[in-house]
Amino acid sequence: MIYIVEGVAGSGKDTLCGQIVKSLHPEERRVLVFPEEAVLATWLYYFVPGIHEIRLDLAERLVAYMHETQAQDPAAAFVLNRFHVSYAVWSPS
């Protein structure tokens, strides 16, 4: 399972993510939580030259990791908080 939570500032994204994690019973299964700033760099770094390519590379690696993890452990769940998956269109390899 993969949950992606997006929304405007103050809309309750962190609260919702906490409730999702709780409902998934992390004591009984592997639940991995990734806030955007932990993996894909926060908007504060958009001015850095080349950051967009780095973000896309990290996103592609995270997707591969999620596929591998769920292949090994189908009960694993991912909660992605503030991920802007619509940030760019990825072309197939």
PDB file of N, CA and C in Angstrom:
ATOM      1  N   MET A   1       0.826  -1.170   0.000  1.00  0.00           N
ATOM      2  CA  MET A   1       0.000   0.000   0.000  1.00  0.00           C
ATOM      3  C   MET A   1       0.875   1.239   0.000  1.00  0.00           C
ATOM      4  N   ILE A   2       0.446   2.209  -0.739  1.00  0.00           N
ATOM      5  CA  ILE A   2       1.143   3.487  -0.788  1.00  0.00           C
ATOM      6  C   ILE A   2       0.105   4.585  -0.610  1.00  0.00           C
ATOM      7  N   TYR A   3       0.322   5.426   0.373  1.00  0.00           N
ATOM      8  CA  TYR A   3      -0.540   6.567   0.631  1.00  0.00           C
ATOM      9  C   TYR A   3       0.254   7.825   0.326  1.00  0.00           C
ATOM     10  N   ILE A   4      -0.318   8.726  -0.462  1.00  0.00           N
ATOM     11  CA  ILE A   4       0.316  10.000  -0.774  1.00  0.00           C
ATOM     12  C   ILE A   4      -0.622  11.094  -0.286  1.00  0.00           C
ATOM     13  N   VAL A   5      -0.126  11.928   0.620  1.00  0.00           N
ATOM     14  CA  VAL A   5      -0.939  12.987   1.198  1.00  0.00           C
ATOM     15  C   VAL A   5      -0.395  14.329   0.727  1.00  0.00           C
ATOM     16  N   GLU A   6      -1.241  15.091   0.062  1.00  0.00           N
ATOM     17  CA  GLU A   6      -0.879  16.435  -0.393  1.00  0.00           C
ATOM     18  C   GLU A   6      -1.973  17.394   0.049  1.00  0.00           C
ATOM     19  N   GLY A   7      -1.648  18.676   0.114  1.00  0.00           N
ATOM     20  CA  GLY A   7      -2.643  19.674   0.469  1.00  0.00           C
ATOM     21  C   GLY A   7      -1.989  21.006   0.764  1.00  0.00           C
ATOM     22  N   VAL A   8      -2.819  22.007   0.901  1.00  0.00           N
ATOM     23  CA  VAL A   8      -2.317  23.352   1.182  1.00  0.00           C
ATOM     24  C   VAL A   8      -1.872  23.446   2.635  1.00  0.00           C
ATOM     25  N   ALA A   9      -1.075  24.466   2.925  1.00  0.00           N
ATOM     26  CA  ALA A   9      -0.570  24.683   4.282  1.00  0.00           C
ATOM     27  C   ALA A   9      -1.730  24.771   5.269  1.00  0.00           C
ATOM     28  N   GLY A  10      -1.574  24.089   6.392  1.00  0.00           N
ATOM     29  CA  GLY A  10      -2.577  24.151   7.445  1.00  0.00           C
ATOM     30  C   GLY A  10      -3.794  23.288   7.231  1.00  0.00           C
ATOM     31  N   SER A  11      -3.771  22.425   6.221  1.00  0.00           N
ATOM     32  CA  SER A  11      -4.956  21.616   5.915  1.00  0.00           C
ATOM     33  C   SER A  11      -5.032  20.314   6.712  1.00  0.00           C
ATOM     34  N   GLY A  12      -4.008  20.011   7.515  1.00  0.00           N
ATOM     35  CA  GLY A  12      -4.046  18.813   8.353  1.00  0.00           C
ATOM     36  C   GLY A  12      -3.307  17.620   7.786  1.00  0.00           C
ATOM     37  N   LYS A  13      -2.349  17.873   6.895  1.00  0.00           N
ATOM     38  CA  LYS A  13      -1.600  16.764   6.276  1.00  0.00           C
ATOM     39  C   LYS A  13      -0.865  15.928   7.320  1.00  0.00           C
ATOM     40  N   ASP A  14      -0.161  16.582   8.234  1.00  0.00           N
ATOM     41  CA  ASP A  14       0.594  15.843   9.250  1.00  0.00           C
ATOM     42  C   ASP A  14      -0.342  15.046  10.155  1.00  0.00           C
ATOM     43  N   THR A  15      -1.450  15.635  10.522  1.00  0.00           N
ATOM     44  CA  THR A  15      -2.442  14.942  11.352  1.00  0.00           C
ATOM     45  C   THR A  15      -2.994  13.727  10.615  1.00  0.00           C
ATOM     46  N   LEU A  16      -3.342  13.908   9.345  1.00  0.00           N
ATOM     47  CA  LEU A  16      -3.861  12.803   8.549  1.00  0.00           C
ATOM     48  C   LEU A  16      -2.819  11.690   8.423  1.00  0.00           C
ATOM     49  N   CYS A  17      -1.574  12.056   8.160  1.00  0.00           N
ATOM     50  CA  CYS A  17      -0.510  11.040   8.050  1.00  0.00           C
ATOM     51  C   CYS A  17      -0.378  10.260   9.357  1.00  0.00           C
ATOM     52  N   GLY A  18      -0.445  10.957  10.468  1.00  0.00           N
ATOM     53  CA  GLY A  18      -0.369  10.277  11.765  1.00  0.00           C
ATOM     54  C   GLY A  18      -1.506   9.294  11.955  1.00  0.00           C
ATOM     55  N   GLN A  19      -2.703   9.679  11.532  1.00  0.00           N
ATOM     56  CA  GLN A  19      -3.860   8.788  11.644  1.00  0.00           C
ATOM     57  C   GLN A  19      -3.733   7.585  10.709  1.00  0.00           C
ATOM     58  N   ILE A  20      -3.214   7.829   9.506  1.00  0.00           N
ATOM     59  CA  ILE A  20      -3.008   6.725   8.559  1.00  0.00           C
ATOM     60  C   ILE A  20      -2.023   5.722   9.140  1.00  0.00           C
ATOM     61  N   VAL A  21      -0.900   6.225   9.651  1.00  0.00           N
ATOM     62  CA  VAL A  21       0.115   5.337  10.231  1.00  0.00           C
ATOM     63  C   VAL A  21      -0.488   4.530  11.376  1.00  0.00           C
ATOM     64  N   LYS A  22      -1.215   5.200  12.264  1.00  0.00           N
ATOM     65  CA  LYS A  22      -1.842   4.508  13.390  1.00  0.00           C
ATOM     66  C   LYS A  22      -2.786   3.412  12.902  1.00  0.00           C
ATOM     67  N   SER A  23      -3.582   3.713  11.856  1.00  0.00           N
ATOM     68  CA  SER A  23      -4.550   2.736  11.347  1.00  0.00           C
ATOM     69  C   SER A  23      -3.885   1.537  10.677  1.00  0.00           C
ATOM     70  N   LEU A  24      -2.639   1.709  10.251  1.00  0.00           N
ATOM     71  CA  LEU A  24      -1.916   0.619   9.590  1.00  0.00           C
ATOM     72  C   LEU A  24      -1.258  -0.336  10.588  1.00  0.00           C
ATOM     73  N   HIS A  25      -1.347  -0.024  11.860  1.00  0.00           N
ATOM     74  CA  HIS A  25      -0.797  -0.866  12.930  1.00  0.00           C
ATOM     75  C   HIS A  25       0.691  -1.170  12.701  1.00  0.00           C
ATOM     76  N   PRO A  26       1.548  -0.152  12.838  1.00  0.00           N
ATOM     77  CA  PRO A  26       2.975  -0.348  12.573  1.00  0.00           C
ATOM     78  C   PRO A  26       3.645  -1.359  13.499  1.00  0.00           C
ATOM     79  N   GLU A  27       3.003  -1.698  14.587  1.00  0.00           N
ATOM     80  CA  GLU A  27       3.561  -2.729  15.461  1.00  0.00           C
ATOM     81  C   GLU A  27       3.375  -4.119  14.854  1.00  0.00           C
ATOM     82  N   GLU A  28       2.510  -4.228  13.843  1.00  0.00           N
ATOM     83  CA  GLU A  28       2.221  -5.514  13.223  1.00  0.00           C
ATOM     84  C   GLU A  28       2.748  -5.639  11.799  1.00  0.00           C
ATOM     85  N   ARG A  29       3.157  -4.537  11.193  1.00  0.00           N
ATOM     86  CA  ARG A  29       3.648  -4.568   9.817  1.00  0.00           C
ATOM     87  C   ARG A  29       4.680  -3.470   9.634  1.00  0.00           C
ATOM     88  N   ARG A  30       5.389  -3.542   8.553  1.00  0.00           N
ATOM     89  CA  ARG A  30       6.390  -2.529   8.222  1.00  0.00           C
ATOM     90  C   ARG A  30       5.679  -1.316   7.612  1.00  0.00           C
ATOM     91  N   VAL A  31       5.800  -0.165   8.276  1.00  0.00           N
ATOM     92  CA  VAL A  31       5.214   1.081   7.795  1.00  0.00           C
ATOM     93  C   VAL A  31       6.341   2.103   7.680  1.00  0.00           C
ATOM     94  N   LEU A  32       6.561   2.589   6.468  1.00  0.00           N
ATOM     95  CA  LEU A  32       7.638   3.541   6.215  1.00  0.00           C
ATOM     96  C   LEU A  32       7.024   4.896   5.871  1.00  0.00           C
ATOM     97  N   VAL A  33       7.458   5.930   6.587  1.00  0.00           N
ATOM     98  CA  VAL A  33       6.914   7.269   6.416  1.00  0.00           C
ATOM     99  C   VAL A  33       8.013   8.165   5.853  1.00  0.00           C
ATOM    100  N   PHE A  34       7.693   8.841   4.753  1.00  0.00           N
ATOM    101  CA  PHE A  34       8.651   9.730   4.113  1.00  0.00           C
ATOM    102  C   PHE A  34       8.036  11.113   3.905  1.00  0.00           C
ATOM    103  N   PRO A  35       8.456  12.102   4.712  1.00  0.00           N
ATOM    104  CA  PRO A  35       8.048  13.469   4.384  1.00  0.00           C
ATOM    105  C   PRO A  35       8.899  13.971   3.226  1.00  0.00           C
ATOM    106  N   GLU A  36       8.341  14.829   2.427  1.00  0.00           N
ATOM    107  CA  GLU A  36       9.043  15.314   1.237  1.00  0.00           C
ATOM    108  C   GLU A  36      10.431  15.855   1.559  1.00  0.00           C
ATOM    109  N   GLU A  37      10.541  16.658   2.594  1.00  0.00           N
ATOM    110  CA  GLU A  37      11.835  17.277   2.876  1.00  0.00           C
ATOM    111  C   GLU A  37      12.913  16.268   3.262  1.00  0.00           C
ATOM    112  N   ALA A  38      12.512  15.073   3.679  1.00  0.00           N
ATOM    113  CA  ALA A  38      13.486  14.058   4.050  1.00  0.00           C
ATOM    114  C   ALA A  38      14.075  13.342   2.839  1.00  0.00           C
ATOM    115  N   VAL A  39      13.367  13.359   1.726  1.00  0.00           N
ATOM    116  CA  VAL A  39      13.825  12.598   0.567  1.00  0.00           C
ATOM    117  C   VAL A  39      14.004  13.452  -0.678  1.00  0.00           C
ATOM    118  N   LEU A  40      13.079  14.335  -0.936  1.00  0.00           N
ATOM    119  CA  LEU A  40      13.101  15.037  -2.221  1.00  0.00           C
ATOM    120  C   LEU A  40      13.457  16.516  -2.130  1.00  0.00           C
ATOM    121  N   ALA A  41      13.902  16.977  -1.011  1.00  0.00           N
ATOM    122  CA  ALA A  41      14.304  18.364  -0.814  1.00  0.00           C
ATOM    123  C   ALA A  41      13.111  19.307  -0.804  1.00  0.00           C
ATOM    124  N   THR A  42      13.024  20.088   0.203  1.00  0.00           N
ATOM    125  CA  THR A  42      11.933  21.040   0.360  1.00  0.00           C
ATOM    126  C   THR A  42      11.998  22.156  -0.676  1.00  0.00           C
ATOM    127  N   TRP A  43      10.906  22.861  -0.846  1.00  0.00           N
ATOM    128  CA  TRP A  43      10.834  23.973  -1.806  1.00  0.00           C
ATOM    129  C   TRP A  43      11.856  25.055  -1.487  1.00  0.00           C
ATOM    130  N   LEU A  44      12.380  25.081  -0.272  1.00  0.00           N
ATOM    131  CA  LEU A  44      13.371  26.091   0.105  1.00  0.00           C
ATOM    132  C   LEU A  44      14.642  26.001  -0.733  1.00  0.00           C
ATOM    133  N   TYR A  45      14.856  24.857  -1.401  1.00  0.00           N
ATOM    134  CA  TYR A  45      16.076  24.653  -2.184  1.00  0.00           C
ATOM    135  C   TYR A  45      15.852  24.759  -3.683  1.00  0.00           C
ATOM    136  N   TYR A  46      14.678  25.201  -4.111  1.00  0.00           N
ATOM    137  CA  TYR A  46      14.385  25.273  -5.540  1.00  0.00           C
ATOM    138  C   TYR A  46      15.334  26.173  -6.305  1.00  0.00           C
ATOM    139  N   PHE A  47      15.981  27.101  -5.638  1.00  0.00           N
ATOM    140  CA  PHE A  47      16.903  28.020  -6.306  1.00  0.00           C
ATOM    141  C   PHE A  47      18.251  27.382  -6.619  1.00  0.00           C
ATOM    142  N   VAL A  48      18.536  26.217  -6.053  1.00  0.00           N
ATOM    143  CA  VAL A  48      19.825  25.558  -6.249  1.00  0.00           C
ATOM    144  C   VAL A  48      19.908  25.015  -7.672  1.00  0.00           C
ATOM    145  N   PRO A  49      20.926  25.400  -8.424  1.00  0.00           N
ATOM    146  CA  PRO A  49      21.053  24.877  -9.792  1.00  0.00           C
ATOM    147  C   PRO A  49      21.109  23.348  -9.794  1.00  0.00           C
ATOM    148  N   GLY A  50      20.336  22.737 -10.673  1.00  0.00           N
ATOM    149  CA  GLY A  50      20.332  21.282 -10.811  1.00  0.00           C
ATOM    150  C   GLY A  50      19.451  20.547  -9.814  1.00  0.00           C
ATOM    151  N   ILE A  51      18.780  21.267  -8.911  1.00  0.00           N
ATOM    152  CA  ILE A  51      17.972  20.594  -7.878  1.00  0.00           C
ATOM    153  C   ILE A  51      16.833  19.793  -8.485  1.00  0.00           C
ATOM    154  N   HIS A  52      16.272  20.245  -9.590  1.00  0.00           N
ATOM    155  CA  HIS A  52      15.144  19.529 -10.188  1.00  0.00           C
ATOM    156  C   HIS A  52      15.571  18.146 -10.683  1.00  0.00           C
ATOM    157  N   GLU A  53      16.754  18.054 -11.266  1.00  0.00           N
ATOM    158  CA  GLU A  53      17.261  16.752 -11.718  1.00  0.00           C
ATOM    159  C   GLU A  53      17.541  15.845 -10.534  1.00  0.00           C
ATOM    160  N   ILE A  54      18.060  16.409  -9.453  1.00  0.00           N
ATOM    161  CA  ILE A  54      18.330  15.626  -8.250  1.00  0.00           C
ATOM    162  C   ILE A  54      17.017  15.108  -7.663  1.00  0.00           C
ATOM    163  N   ARG A  55      16.017  15.969  -7.608  1.00  0.00           N
ATOM    164  CA  ARG A  55      14.710  15.568  -7.076  1.00  0.00           C
ATOM    165  C   ARG A  55      14.118  14.417  -7.898  1.00  0.00           C
ATOM    166  N   LEU A  56      14.184  14.534  -9.208  1.00  0.00           N
ATOM    167  CA  LEU A  56      13.623  13.476 -10.052  1.00  0.00           C
ATOM    168  C   LEU A  56      14.394  12.171  -9.899  1.00  0.00           C
ATOM    169  N   ASP A  57      15.719  12.255  -9.796  1.00  0.00           N
ATOM    170  CA  ASP A  57      16.528  11.057  -9.603  1.00  0.00           C
ATOM    171  C   ASP A  57      16.178  10.386  -8.275  1.00  0.00           C
ATOM    172  N   LEU A  58      16.063  11.175  -7.217  1.00  0.00           N
ATOM    173  CA  LEU A  58      15.694  10.615  -5.918  1.00  0.00           C
ATOM    174  C   LEU A  58      14.297  10.006  -5.953  1.00  0.00           C
ATOM    175  N   ALA A  59      13.382  10.668  -6.640  1.00  0.00           N
ATOM    176  CA  ALA A  59      12.023  10.139  -6.737  1.00  0.00           C
ATOM    177  C   ALA A  59      12.011   8.796  -7.457  1.00  0.00           C
ATOM    178  N   GLU A  60      12.756   8.694  -8.537  1.00  0.00           N
ATOM    179  CA  GLU A  60      12.821   7.431  -9.273  1.00  0.00           C
ATOM    180  C   GLU A  60      13.434   6.331  -8.419  1.00  0.00           C
ATOM    181  N   ARG A  61      14.453   6.681  -7.640  1.00  0.00           N
ATOM    182  CA  ARG A  61      15.077   5.691  -6.751  1.00  0.00           C
ATOM    183  C   ARG A  61      14.119   5.263  -5.643  1.00  0.00           C
ATOM    184  N   LEU A  62      13.347   6.212  -5.128  1.00  0.00           N
ATOM    185  CA  LEU A  62      12.378   5.878  -4.096  1.00  0.00           C
ATOM    186  C   LEU A  62      11.297   4.950  -4.637  1.00  0.00           C
ATOM    187  N   VAL A  63      10.832   5.207  -5.840  1.00  0.00           N
ATOM    188  CA  VAL A  63       9.833   4.338  -6.464  1.00  0.00           C
ATOM    189  C   VAL A  63      10.394   2.920  -6.627  1.00  0.00           C
ATOM    190  N   ALA A  64      11.634   2.805  -7.077  1.00  0.00           N
ATOM    191  CA  ALA A  64      12.267   1.487  -7.216  1.00  0.00           C
ATOM    192  C   ALA A  64      12.366   0.794  -5.857  1.00  0.00           C
ATOM    193  N   TYR A  65      12.731   1.556  -4.825  1.00  0.00           N
ATOM    194  CA  TYR A  65      12.834   1.005  -3.476  1.00  0.00           C
ATOM    195  C   TYR A  65      11.472   0.511  -2.985  1.00  0.00           C
ATOM    196  N   MET A  66      10.426   1.282  -3.259  1.00  0.00           N
ATOM    197  CA  MET A  66       9.091   0.866  -2.833  1.00  0.00           C
ATOM    198  C   MET A  66       8.673  -0.420  -3.543  1.00  0.00           C
ATOM    199  N   HIS A  67       8.972  -0.512  -4.844  1.00  0.00           N
ATOM    200  CA  HIS A  67       8.649  -1.736  -5.591  1.00  0.00           C
ATOM    201  C   HIS A  67       9.396  -2.933  -5.008  1.00  0.00           C
ATOM    202  N   GLU A  68      10.675  -2.784  -4.752  1.00  0.00           N
ATOM    203  CA  GLU A  68      11.486  -3.881  -4.199  1.00  0.00           C
ATOM    204  C   GLU A  68      10.981  -4.288  -2.820  1.00  0.00           C
ATOM    205  N   THR A  69      10.701  -3.293  -1.995  1.00  0.00           N
ATOM    206  CA  THR A  69      10.244  -3.573  -0.634  1.00  0.00           C
ATOM    207  C   THR A  69       8.912  -4.305  -0.648  1.00  0.00           C
ATOM    208  N   GLN A  70       7.978  -3.853  -1.484  1.00  0.00           N
ATOM    209  CA  GLN A  70       6.680  -4.517  -1.519  1.00  0.00           C
ATOM    210  C   GLN A  70       6.744  -5.892  -2.177  1.00  0.00           C
ATOM    211  N   ALA A  71       7.709  -6.107  -3.062  1.00  0.00           N
ATOM    212  CA  ALA A  71       7.886  -7.444  -3.634  1.00  0.00           C
ATOM    213  C   ALA A  71       8.353  -8.422  -2.554  1.00  0.00           C
ATOM    214  N   GLN A  72       9.210  -7.943  -1.663  1.00  0.00           N
ATOM    215  CA  GLN A  72       9.738  -8.786  -0.582  1.00  0.00           C
ATOM    216  C   GLN A  72       8.761  -8.904   0.580  1.00  0.00           C
ATOM    217  N   ASP A  73       7.984  -7.847   0.809  1.00  0.00           N
ATOM    218  CA  ASP A  73       7.064  -7.805   1.936  1.00  0.00           C
ATOM    219  C   ASP A  73       5.755  -7.142   1.490  1.00  0.00           C
ATOM    220  N   PRO A  74       4.814  -7.928   0.944  1.00  0.00           N
ATOM    221  CA  PRO A  74       3.574  -7.367   0.416  1.00  0.00           C
ATOM    222  C   PRO A  74       2.743  -6.601   1.447  1.00  0.00           C
ATOM    223  N   ALA A  75       2.966  -6.836   2.721  1.00  0.00           N
ATOM    224  CA  ALA A  75       2.214  -6.130   3.760  1.00  0.00           C
ATOM    225  C   ALA A  75       2.804  -4.760   4.075  1.00  0.00           C
ATOM    226  N   ALA A  76       3.978  -4.474   3.539  1.00  0.00           N
ATOM    227  CA  ALA A  76       4.621  -3.182   3.816  1.00  0.00           C
ATOM    228  C   ALA A  76       3.761  -2.039   3.292  1.00  0.00           C
ATOM    229  N   ALA A  77       3.799  -0.931   4.008  1.00  0.00           N
ATOM    230  CA  ALA A  77       3.027   0.246   3.612  1.00  0.00           C
ATOM    231  C   ALA A  77       3.927   1.472   3.640  1.00  0.00           C
ATOM    232  N   PHE A  78       3.677   2.384   2.709  1.00  0.00           N
ATOM    233  CA  PHE A  78       4.421   3.642   2.620  1.00  0.00           C
ATOM    234  C   PHE A  78       3.451   4.798   2.777  1.00  0.00           C
ATOM    235  N   VAL A  79       3.857   5.784   3.558  1.00  0.00           N
ATOM    236  CA  VAL A  79       3.073   7.002   3.712  1.00  0.00           C
ATOM    237  C   VAL A  79       3.980   8.150   3.281  1.00  0.00           C
ATOM    238  N   LEU A  80       3.612   8.803   2.182  1.00  0.00           N
ATOM    239  CA  LEU A  80       4.399   9.900   1.628  1.00  0.00           C
ATOM    240  C   LEU A  80       3.678  11.206   1.931  1.00  0.00           C
ATOM    241  N   ASN A  81       4.318  12.057   2.701  1.00  0.00           N
ATOM    242  CA  ASN A  81       3.691  13.296   3.149  1.00  0.00           C
ATOM    243  C   ASN A  81       4.239  14.483   2.372  1.00  0.00           C
ATOM    244  N   ARG A  82       3.363  15.217   1.734  1.00  0.00           N
ATOM    245  CA  ARG A  82       3.704  16.419   0.969  1.00  0.00           C
ATOM    246  C   ARG A  82       4.557  16.102  -0.253  1.00  0.00           C
ATOM    247  N   PHE A  83       4.301  14.998  -0.896  1.00  0.00           N
ATOM    248  CA  PHE A  83       5.023  14.656  -2.113  1.00  0.00           C
ATOM    249  C   PHE A  83       4.274  15.234  -3.291  1.00  0.00           C
ATOM    250  N   HIS A  84       4.975  15.995  -4.087  1.00  0.00           N
ATOM    251  CA  HIS A  84       4.343  16.603  -5.253  1.00  0.00           C
ATOM    252  C   HIS A  84       4.660  15.736  -6.461  1.00  0.00           C
ATOM    253  N   VAL A  85       3.930  14.630  -6.566  1.00  0.00           N
ATOM    254  CA  VAL A  85       4.200  13.672  -7.628  1.00  0.00           C
ATOM    255  C   VAL A  85       3.876  14.238  -8.997  1.00  0.00           C
ATOM    256  N   SER A  86       3.095  15.287  -9.024  1.00  0.00           N
ATOM    257  CA  SER A  86       2.763  15.911 -10.310  1.00  0.00           C
ATOM    258  C   SER A  86       3.803  16.954 -10.709  1.00  0.00           C
ATOM    259  N   TYR A  87       4.892  17.013  -9.970  1.00  0.00           N
ATOM    260  CA  TYR A  87       5.937  18.019 -10.181  1.00  0.00           C
ATOM    261  C   TYR A  87       6.472  18.000 -11.607  1.00  0.00           C
ATOM    262  N   ALA A  88       6.651  16.842 -12.153  1.00  0.00           N
ATOM    263  CA  ALA A  88       7.176  16.723 -13.512  1.00  0.00           C
ATOM    264  C   ALA A  88       6.655  15.438 -14.144  1.00  0.00           C
ATOM    265  N   VAL A  89       6.639  15.397 -15.415  1.00  0.00           N
ATOM    266  CA  VAL A  89       6.231  14.202 -16.134  1.00  0.00           C
ATOM    267  C   VAL A  89       7.475  13.390 -16.435  1.00  0.00           C
ATOM    268  N   TRP A  90       7.475  12.128 -16.013  1.00  0.00           N
ATOM    269  CA  TRP A  90       8.617  11.256 -16.262  1.00  0.00           C
ATOM    270  C   TRP A  90       8.352  10.477 -17.526  1.00  0.00           C
ATOM    271  N   SER A  91       9.325  10.411 -18.392  1.00  0.00           N
ATOM    272  CA  SER A  91       9.153   9.627 -19.595  1.00  0.00           C
ATOM    273  C   SER A  91       9.617   8.211 -19.321  1.00  0.00           C
ATOM    274  N   PRO A  92       8.958   7.227 -19.926  1.00  0.00           N
ATOM    275  CA  PRO A  92       9.360   5.836 -19.692  1.00  0.00           C
ATOM    276  C   PRO A  92      10.753   5.566 -20.255  1.00  0.00           C
ATOM    277  N   SER A  93      11.433   4.648 -19.617  1.00  0.00           N
ATOM    278  CA  SER A  93      12.805   4.289 -20.043  1.00  0.00           C
ATOM    279  C   SER A  93      12.785   3.549 -21.341  1.00  0.00           C
TER     280      SER A  93
END
